[in-house]
C-alpha cells in the first residue's frame, strides 16, 4: 500500500502485518523526522500520517471490494511525546 502513497513511502512507512479488518504499519526513526531537536522526538505530523495510513490499511483489509479510501476528518490529541530514536507502530 505504501508504494501507492508517495508521501508514506517518502517517510519510510511500511506495512508490517495485515489481517481481516486490521493492519499494522511502522514508521522508522530518522533524523529528518525530528520535530524537537532538544528531545529528539518525531514531529507530530509524521505520527498523524502513520495513524492515517494504518487506518486506511485496516479499512482496505475489511472491505470485500477495494475502492478509493479517504479520511474525512482526523484529530489527534497527543498525551506525550514518542520515545526518541525508536521505530513507531
N, C-alpha and C. Protein backbone atom coordinates (compact mmCIF):
# COMPACT_ATOMS: atom_id res chain seq x y z
N UNK A 1 0.82 -1.20 0.00
CA UNK A 1 0.00 0.00 0.00
C UNK A 1 0.86 1.26 0.00
N UNK A 2 2.01 1.23 0.66
CA UNK A 2 2.85 2.42 0.69
C UNK A 2 3.39 2.77 -0.68
N UNK A 3 3.52 1.79 -1.56
CA UNK A 3 4.03 2.08 -2.89
C UNK A 3 3.04 2.91 -3.69
N UNK A 4 1.77 2.93 -3.28
CA UNK A 4 0.75 3.73 -3.97
C UNK A 4 0.57 5.09 -3.30
N UNK A 5 1.24 5.33 -2.21
CA UNK A 5 1.11 6.58 -1.47
C UNK A 5 2.51 7.19 -1.35
N UNK A 6 2.86 8.09 -2.26
CA UNK A 6 4.23 8.60 -2.28
C UNK A 6 4.71 9.23 -0.97
N UNK A 7 3.85 9.98 -0.29
CA UNK A 7 4.33 10.61 0.95
C UNK A 7 4.61 9.58 2.04
N UNK A 8 3.84 8.50 2.08
CA UNK A 8 4.10 7.44 3.06
C UNK A 8 5.41 6.73 2.74
N UNK A 9 5.65 6.51 1.45
CA UNK A 9 6.92 5.89 1.04
C UNK A 9 8.09 6.81 1.38
N UNK A 10 7.92 8.10 1.16
CA UNK A 10 8.97 9.07 1.47
C UNK A 10 9.31 9.06 2.96
N UNK A 11 8.29 8.95 3.81
CA UNK A 11 8.50 8.91 5.25
C UNK A 11 9.10 7.58 5.70
N UNK A 12 9.01 6.56 4.86
CA UNK A 12 9.54 5.25 5.21
C UNK A 12 8.53 4.35 5.88
N UNK A 13 7.25 4.73 5.83
CA UNK A 13 6.20 3.90 6.43
C UNK A 13 6.13 2.59 5.67
N UNK A 14 6.06 1.51 6.42
CA UNK A 14 5.96 0.19 5.79
C UNK A 14 4.86 -0.62 6.47
N UNK A 15 4.28 -1.52 5.72
CA UNK A 15 3.26 -2.43 6.25
C UNK A 15 3.98 -3.58 6.93
N UNK A 16 3.62 -3.83 8.19
CA UNK A 16 4.24 -4.90 8.97
C UNK A 16 3.40 -6.16 8.94
N UNK A 17 2.09 -5.98 9.07
CA UNK A 17 1.19 -7.14 9.15
C UNK A 17 -0.21 -6.71 8.74
N UNK A 18 -0.95 -7.63 8.12
CA UNK A 18 -2.35 -7.38 7.79
C UNK A 18 -3.17 -8.61 8.14
N UNK A 19 -4.45 -8.39 8.30
CA UNK A 19 -5.38 -9.46 8.57
C UNK A 19 -6.78 -8.96 8.32
N UNK A 20 -7.79 -9.77 8.63
CA UNK A 20 -9.16 -9.32 8.42
C UNK A 20 -9.45 -8.09 9.28
N UNK A 21 -9.65 -6.97 8.65
CA UNK A 21 -10.02 -5.71 9.31
C UNK A 21 -8.93 -5.12 10.20
N UNK A 22 -7.67 -5.44 9.94
CA UNK A 22 -6.60 -4.75 10.67
C UNK A 22 -5.34 -4.67 9.82
N UNK A 23 -4.56 -3.68 10.15
CA UNK A 23 -3.27 -3.51 9.50
C UNK A 23 -2.31 -2.86 10.47
N UNK A 24 -1.08 -3.31 10.46
CA UNK A 24 -0.04 -2.74 11.33
C UNK A 24 1.01 -2.11 10.42
N UNK A 25 1.31 -0.85 10.69
CA UNK A 25 2.32 -0.12 9.93
C UNK A 25 3.41 0.37 10.88
N UNK A 26 4.58 0.61 10.34
CA UNK A 26 5.71 1.10 11.14
C UNK A 26 6.31 2.33 10.48
N UNK A 27 6.78 3.24 11.32
CA UNK A 27 7.49 4.43 10.88
C UNK A 27 8.87 4.40 11.52
N UNK A 28 9.92 4.17 10.72
CA UNK A 28 11.26 4.11 11.31
C UNK A 28 11.72 5.49 11.76
N UNK A 29 12.48 5.52 12.84
CA UNK A 29 13.05 6.78 13.31
C UNK A 29 14.11 7.24 12.32
N UNK A 30 14.01 8.49 11.91
CA UNK A 30 15.02 9.11 11.04
C UNK A 30 15.26 10.53 11.52
N UNK A 31 16.48 10.97 11.40
CA UNK A 31 16.85 12.33 11.83
C UNK A 31 15.96 13.39 11.17
N UNK A 32 15.58 13.17 9.91
CA UNK A 32 14.78 14.15 9.17
C UNK A 32 13.38 14.32 9.75
N UNK A 33 12.93 13.38 10.57
CA UNK A 33 11.58 13.43 11.13
C UNK A 33 11.54 14.03 12.52
N UNK A 34 12.67 14.46 13.03
CA UNK A 34 12.71 15.05 14.37
C UNK A 34 12.00 16.40 14.36
N UNK A 35 11.07 16.56 15.29
CA UNK A 35 10.34 17.82 15.42
C UNK A 35 10.87 18.68 16.55
N UNK A 36 11.52 18.07 17.52
CA UNK A 36 12.10 18.79 18.66
C UNK A 36 13.54 18.31 18.83
N UNK A 37 14.50 19.06 18.29
CA UNK A 37 15.90 18.61 18.34
C UNK A 37 16.45 18.41 19.75
N UNK A 38 15.95 19.16 20.70
CA UNK A 38 16.44 19.03 22.07
C UNK A 38 16.07 17.67 22.67
N UNK A 39 14.83 17.24 22.43
CA UNK A 39 14.36 15.96 22.98
C UNK A 39 14.44 14.81 21.98
N UNK A 40 14.75 15.11 20.72
CA UNK A 40 14.87 14.11 19.66
C UNK A 40 13.58 13.31 19.43
N UNK A 41 12.45 13.99 19.49
CA UNK A 41 11.18 13.30 19.28
C UNK A 41 10.67 13.58 17.86
N UNK A 42 9.91 12.64 17.36
CA UNK A 42 9.38 12.71 16.00
C UNK A 42 8.29 13.78 15.91
N UNK A 43 8.30 14.51 14.81
CA UNK A 43 7.31 15.52 14.50
C UNK A 43 5.91 14.90 14.49
N UNK A 44 4.96 15.57 15.12
CA UNK A 44 3.60 15.05 15.23
C UNK A 44 2.93 14.79 13.90
N UNK A 45 3.24 15.57 12.88
CA UNK A 45 2.65 15.35 11.57
C UNK A 45 3.02 14.00 10.97
N UNK A 46 4.24 13.55 11.23
CA UNK A 46 4.66 12.23 10.74
C UNK A 46 3.89 11.13 11.47
N UNK A 47 3.64 11.34 12.76
CA UNK A 47 2.88 10.36 13.54
C UNK A 47 1.43 10.32 13.06
N UNK A 48 0.86 11.49 12.79
CA UNK A 48 -0.51 11.55 12.28
C UNK A 48 -0.61 10.84 10.93
N UNK A 49 0.40 11.00 10.09
CA UNK A 49 0.42 10.30 8.81
C UNK A 49 0.45 8.79 9.01
N UNK A 50 1.23 8.33 9.98
CA UNK A 50 1.27 6.89 10.30
C UNK A 50 -0.11 6.41 10.74
N UNK A 51 -0.77 7.16 11.60
CA UNK A 51 -2.12 6.80 12.07
C UNK A 51 -3.09 6.74 10.90
N UNK A 52 -3.07 7.75 10.05
CA UNK A 52 -3.97 7.80 8.91
C UNK A 52 -3.72 6.65 7.94
N UNK A 53 -2.47 6.36 7.69
CA UNK A 53 -2.11 5.28 6.77
C UNK A 53 -2.55 3.92 7.32
N UNK A 54 -2.29 3.68 8.60
CA UNK A 54 -2.69 2.40 9.22
C UNK A 54 -4.21 2.26 9.25
N UNK A 55 -4.91 3.36 9.48
CA UNK A 55 -6.38 3.32 9.49
C UNK A 55 -6.91 2.97 8.10
N UNK A 56 -6.36 3.59 7.08
CA UNK A 56 -6.77 3.28 5.71
C UNK A 56 -6.47 1.84 5.34
N UNK A 57 -5.33 1.35 5.80
CA UNK A 57 -4.97 -0.05 5.55
C UNK A 57 -5.97 -0.99 6.21
N UNK A 58 -6.38 -0.68 7.44
CA UNK A 58 -7.36 -1.52 8.14
C UNK A 58 -8.69 -1.55 7.39
N UNK A 59 -9.12 -0.40 6.89
CA UNK A 59 -10.36 -0.34 6.12
C UNK A 59 -10.21 -1.16 4.84
N UNK A 60 -9.08 -1.01 4.15
CA UNK A 60 -8.84 -1.77 2.92
C UNK A 60 -8.87 -3.27 3.18
N UNK A 61 -8.39 -3.69 4.34
CA UNK A 61 -8.40 -5.12 4.68
C UNK A 61 -9.79 -5.61 5.06
N UNK A 62 -10.68 -4.69 5.43
CA UNK A 62 -12.01 -5.08 5.91
C UNK A 62 -13.05 -5.17 4.81
N UNK A 63 -12.86 -4.46 3.72
CA UNK A 63 -13.88 -4.43 2.68
C UNK A 63 -13.67 -5.57 1.69
N UNK A 64 -14.77 -6.02 1.11
CA UNK A 64 -14.69 -7.11 0.14
C UNK A 64 -14.14 -6.63 -1.20
N UNK A 65 -14.54 -5.43 -1.61
CA UNK A 65 -14.08 -4.88 -2.88
C UNK A 65 -13.42 -3.53 -2.61
N UNK A 66 -12.17 -3.41 -2.94
CA UNK A 66 -11.42 -2.20 -2.66
C UNK A 66 -11.83 -1.06 -3.59
N UNK A 67 -12.16 0.06 -2.99
CA UNK A 67 -12.43 1.29 -3.72
C UNK A 67 -11.56 2.39 -3.10
N UNK A 68 -11.69 3.58 -3.61
CA UNK A 68 -10.92 4.70 -3.06
C UNK A 68 -11.30 4.93 -1.59
N UNK A 69 -10.29 5.18 -0.77
CA UNK A 69 -10.49 5.42 0.66
C UNK A 69 -9.93 6.80 0.97
N UNK A 70 -10.73 7.61 1.64
CA UNK A 70 -10.27 8.95 2.00
C UNK A 70 -10.64 9.24 3.45
N UNK A 71 -9.75 9.89 4.15
CA UNK A 71 -10.02 10.33 5.52
C UNK A 71 -10.81 11.63 5.45
N UNK A 72 -11.97 11.64 6.07
CA UNK A 72 -12.81 12.84 6.08
C UNK A 72 -12.35 13.80 7.17
N UNK A 73 -12.04 13.27 8.34
CA UNK A 73 -11.64 14.11 9.46
C UNK A 73 -10.74 13.29 10.38
N UNK A 74 -9.70 13.90 10.87
CA UNK A 74 -8.78 13.22 11.78
C UNK A 74 -8.24 14.24 12.76
N UNK A 75 -8.43 13.97 14.02
CA UNK A 75 -7.92 14.85 15.08
C UNK A 75 -7.09 13.99 16.02
N UNK A 76 -5.93 14.48 16.38
CA UNK A 76 -5.04 13.76 17.29
C UNK A 76 -4.68 14.69 18.44
N UNK A 77 -4.95 14.26 19.65
CA UNK A 77 -4.52 14.97 20.85
C UNK A 77 -3.38 14.17 21.46
N UNK A 78 -2.19 14.70 21.41
CA UNK A 78 -1.01 13.99 21.92
C UNK A 78 -0.93 14.12 23.43
N UNK A 79 -0.83 12.99 24.12
CA UNK A 79 -0.71 12.99 25.58
C UNK A 79 0.74 13.14 26.02
N UNK A 80 1.64 12.62 25.20
CA UNK A 80 3.07 12.77 25.48
C UNK A 80 3.83 12.49 24.19
N UNK A 81 5.09 12.86 24.19
CA UNK A 81 5.91 12.64 23.00
C UNK A 81 6.29 11.17 22.87
N UNK A 82 6.53 10.76 21.64
CA UNK A 82 7.03 9.40 21.40
C UNK A 82 8.44 9.28 21.96
N UNK A 83 8.83 8.07 22.30
CA UNK A 83 10.20 7.84 22.79
C UNK A 83 11.18 8.14 21.66
N UNK A 84 12.24 8.87 21.95
CA UNK A 84 13.20 9.20 20.90
C UNK A 84 13.97 7.98 20.39
N UNK A 85 14.37 8.06 19.13
CA UNK A 85 15.24 7.07 18.49
C UNK A 85 14.62 5.69 18.31
N UNK A 86 13.30 5.57 18.41
CA UNK A 86 12.64 4.27 18.26
C UNK A 86 11.70 4.26 17.06
N UNK A 87 11.55 3.09 16.45
CA UNK A 87 10.56 2.91 15.40
C UNK A 87 9.18 2.99 16.03
N UNK A 88 8.23 3.60 15.32
CA UNK A 88 6.87 3.75 15.84
C UNK A 88 5.93 2.81 15.11
N UNK A 89 4.96 2.26 15.83
CA UNK A 89 3.94 1.37 15.26
C UNK A 89 2.58 1.93 15.55
